[in-house]
Amino acid sequence: MAEKKVKVKTVNIKNKRASFDYLLLDKYTAGIVLTGTEIKSIRAGKASLVDTFCYIHNGEVWVKNMYVAEYSYGSYNNHAARRDRKLLLNRKEIRKLQQDMKSPGFTLVPTLLFLNEKGMAKLDIYLCRGKKEYDKRQTLKEKEDRREMDRKIKNY
């Protein structure tokens, strides 16, 4: 029997501020519970992770404030753009996250929304600790130094 090859369009929606505002510690990849119009909008690349965060409620992980644009061809059964969406993780991972979140200063931040090889939407979330102002200045200085070194190597 011939196998059908499914061509999946790559979608990588990033939260660029996350690595600047937070110190990224542990990475988890979670599935997302979506409706039909939401996955169609994500496949079209119409989503954003700006100002999103995750929280744990009743042993379930939820992502809050994730923007998924309304599907243009969706009719009365279209979705709300900024509703809370449930994330799919193993019970063991959720328990570990709950333990880590008990200590002050830690939070869960989504960094990347992508489609896997099967065409399913996945979300990379990190356990993070917020950076202080001097840490952010240090990050900017390192970034500027790297750019300067690249510029010198290119001109050399």
Protein backbone atom coordinates (compact mmCIF):
# COMPACT_ATOMS: atom_id res chain seq x y z
CA MET A 1 0.00 0.00 0.00
CA ALA A 2 1.35 3.41 -0.91
CA GLU A 3 1.89 5.81 1.97
CA LYS A 4 0.45 9.26 1.66
CA LYS A 5 2.91 12.08 2.27
CA VAL A 6 1.44 15.02 4.09
CA LYS A 7 3.10 18.33 3.38
CA VAL A 8 3.01 20.53 6.48
CA LYS A 9 3.59 24.25 6.23
CA THR A 10 6.06 25.34 8.89
CA VAL A 11 4.69 27.81 11.39
CA ASN A 12 7.02 29.24 14.04
CA ILE A 13 5.48 31.97 16.16
CA LYS A 14 7.99 33.24 18.72
CA ASN A 15 7.81 35.23 21.93
CA LYS A 16 10.91 37.37 21.41
CA ARG A 17 10.68 39.25 24.72
CA ALA A 18 10.75 36.08 26.81
CA SER A 19 14.51 35.52 26.63
CA PHE A 20 15.13 39.21 27.38
CA ASP A 21 12.76 39.49 30.37
CA TYR A 22 13.34 36.03 31.87
CA LEU A 23 16.11 33.60 32.63
CA LEU A 24 14.94 30.43 30.84
CA LEU A 25 15.51 27.29 32.92
CA ASP A 26 13.51 24.15 32.03
CA LYS A 27 11.85 23.52 28.66
CA TYR A 28 8.61 21.58 28.16
CA THR A 29 6.75 20.90 24.92
CA ALA A 30 2.98 20.79 25.33
CA GLY A 31 0.06 20.14 23.03
CA ILE A 32 -2.81 22.64 22.93
CA VAL A 33 -6.54 21.96 23.02
CA LEU A 34 -7.93 23.97 20.09
CA THR A 35 -11.15 24.30 18.14
CA GLY A 36 -11.33 23.89 14.36
CA THR A 37 -11.23 27.59 13.53
CA GLU A 38 -8.29 28.16 15.90
CA ILE A 39 -6.05 25.59 14.24
CA LYS A 40 -6.90 27.02 10.82
CA SER A 41 -5.86 30.50 11.98
CA ILE A 42 -2.62 29.13 13.44
CA ARG A 43 -1.83 27.30 10.20
CA ALA A 44 -2.30 30.65 8.44
CA GLY A 45 0.23 32.15 10.88
CA LYS A 46 -2.25 34.49 12.55
CA ALA A 47 -1.33 34.08 16.21
CA SER A 48 0.80 35.92 18.76
CA LEU A 49 2.50 35.07 22.04
CA VAL A 50 3.00 38.67 23.22
CA ASP A 51 2.11 39.08 26.93
CA THR A 52 1.18 35.41 27.36
CA PHE A 53 1.83 33.30 30.43
CA CYS A 54 0.84 29.92 31.81
CA TYR A 55 -0.73 28.95 35.10
CA ILE A 56 -1.71 25.74 36.85
CA HIS A 57 -5.31 25.30 38.05
CA ASN A 58 -6.77 22.06 39.46
CA GLY A 59 -3.85 19.99 38.17
CA GLU A 60 -4.15 21.35 34.62
CA VAL A 61 -1.86 23.78 32.82
CA TRP A 62 -3.53 26.69 30.99
CA VAL A 63 -2.14 29.38 28.72
CA LYS A 64 -3.65 32.82 29.22
CA ASN A 65 -3.82 35.79 26.87
CA MET A 66 -2.57 33.91 23.76
CA TYR A 67 -3.90 35.69 20.69
CA VAL A 68 -5.29 33.59 17.85
CA ALA A 69 -7.02 35.72 15.21
CA GLU A 70 -10.59 34.84 14.28
CA TYR A 71 -10.74 32.67 11.20
CA SER A 72 -11.90 34.76 8.24
CA TYR A 73 -14.16 32.03 6.84
CA GLY A 74 -15.52 31.00 10.23
CA SER A 75 -19.18 31.84 10.70
CA TYR A 76 -21.23 31.74 13.89
CA ASN A 77 -18.96 29.03 15.36
CA ASN A 78 -15.83 31.21 15.35
CA HIS A 79 -13.68 31.31 18.50
CA ALA A 80 -12.84 34.11 20.95
CA ALA A 81 -9.44 35.59 20.10
CA ARG A 82 -7.91 35.67 23.61
CA ARG A 83 -9.56 32.82 25.50
CA ASP A 84 -7.71 30.56 27.96
CA ARG A 85 -6.48 27.37 26.30
CA LYS A 86 -5.63 24.11 28.01
CA LEU A 87 -2.15 22.64 27.56
CA LEU A 88 -1.51 18.91 27.41
CA LEU A 89 1.36 17.66 29.58
CA ASN A 90 2.05 14.43 31.47
CA ARG A 91 0.85 14.28 35.05
CA LYS A 92 4.47 13.79 36.18
CA GLU A 93 5.55 16.99 34.37
CA ILE A 94 2.63 18.95 35.85
CA ARG A 95 3.52 17.80 39.38
CA LYS A 96 7.14 18.84 38.85
CA LEU A 97 6.03 22.25 37.57
CA GLN A 98 3.74 22.73 40.57
CA GLN A 99 6.65 22.03 42.93
CA ASP A 100 8.93 24.45 41.06
CA MET A 101 6.26 27.19 40.92
CA LYS A 102 5.86 27.18 44.73
CA SER A 103 9.15 29.04 45.15
CA PRO A 104 8.81 32.80 44.60
CA GLY A 105 9.98 34.44 41.38
CA PHE A 106 9.26 31.51 39.07
CA THR A 107 6.74 31.54 36.25
CA LEU A 108 5.80 29.60 33.11
CA VAL A 109 6.29 31.48 29.84
CA PRO A 110 5.45 30.21 26.33
CA THR A 111 8.27 30.91 23.88
CA LEU A 112 7.39 29.14 20.63
CA LEU A 113 4.17 28.02 18.92
CA PHE A 114 4.81 25.58 16.09
CA LEU A 115 3.29 22.75 14.08
CA ASN A 116 4.94 19.34 14.41
CA GLU A 117 5.46 16.90 11.52
CA LYS A 118 1.92 15.54 11.98
CA GLY A 119 0.44 19.03 11.65
CA MET A 120 -0.50 19.36 15.33
CA ALA A 121 0.01 22.64 17.18
CA LYS A 122 2.59 22.47 19.96
CA LEU A 123 3.79 25.09 22.43
CA ASP A 124 7.27 25.27 23.95
CA ILE A 125 7.00 26.58 27.50
CA TYR A 126 9.84 27.37 29.86
CA LEU A 127 10.05 27.52 33.62
CA CYS A 128 11.57 30.98 34.09
CA ARG A 129 12.83 33.35 36.70
CA GLY A 130 12.43 37.08 36.07
CA LYS A 131 15.57 39.06 35.35
CA LYS A 132 16.55 42.12 37.34
CA GLU A 133 17.29 45.43 35.61
CA TYR A 134 21.07 44.90 35.78
CA ASP A 135 20.67 41.43 34.21
CA LYS A 136 18.83 42.97 31.28
CA ARG A 137 21.57 45.58 30.83
CA GLN A 138 24.15 42.79 30.89
CA THR A 139 22.21 40.88 28.21
CA LEU A 140 22.08 43.98 25.99
CA LYS A 141 25.83 44.55 26.46
CA GLU A 142 26.63 40.94 25.51
CA LYS A 143 24.41 41.18 22.44
CA GLU A 144 26.10 44.42 21.38
CA ASP A 145 29.56 42.89 21.91
CA ARG A 146 28.64 39.87 19.77
CA ARG A 147 27.44 42.18 16.99
CA GLU A 148 30.66 44.20 17.17
CA MET A 149 32.78 41.03 16.98
CA ASP A 150 30.77 39.75 14.00
CA ARG A 151 31.22 43.10 12.28
CA LYS A 152 35.00 43.02 12.81
CA ILE A 153 35.25 39.43 11.53
CA LYS A 154 33.20 40.31 8.44
CA ASN A 155 35.41 43.34 7.65
CA TYR A 156 38.64 41.44 8.32
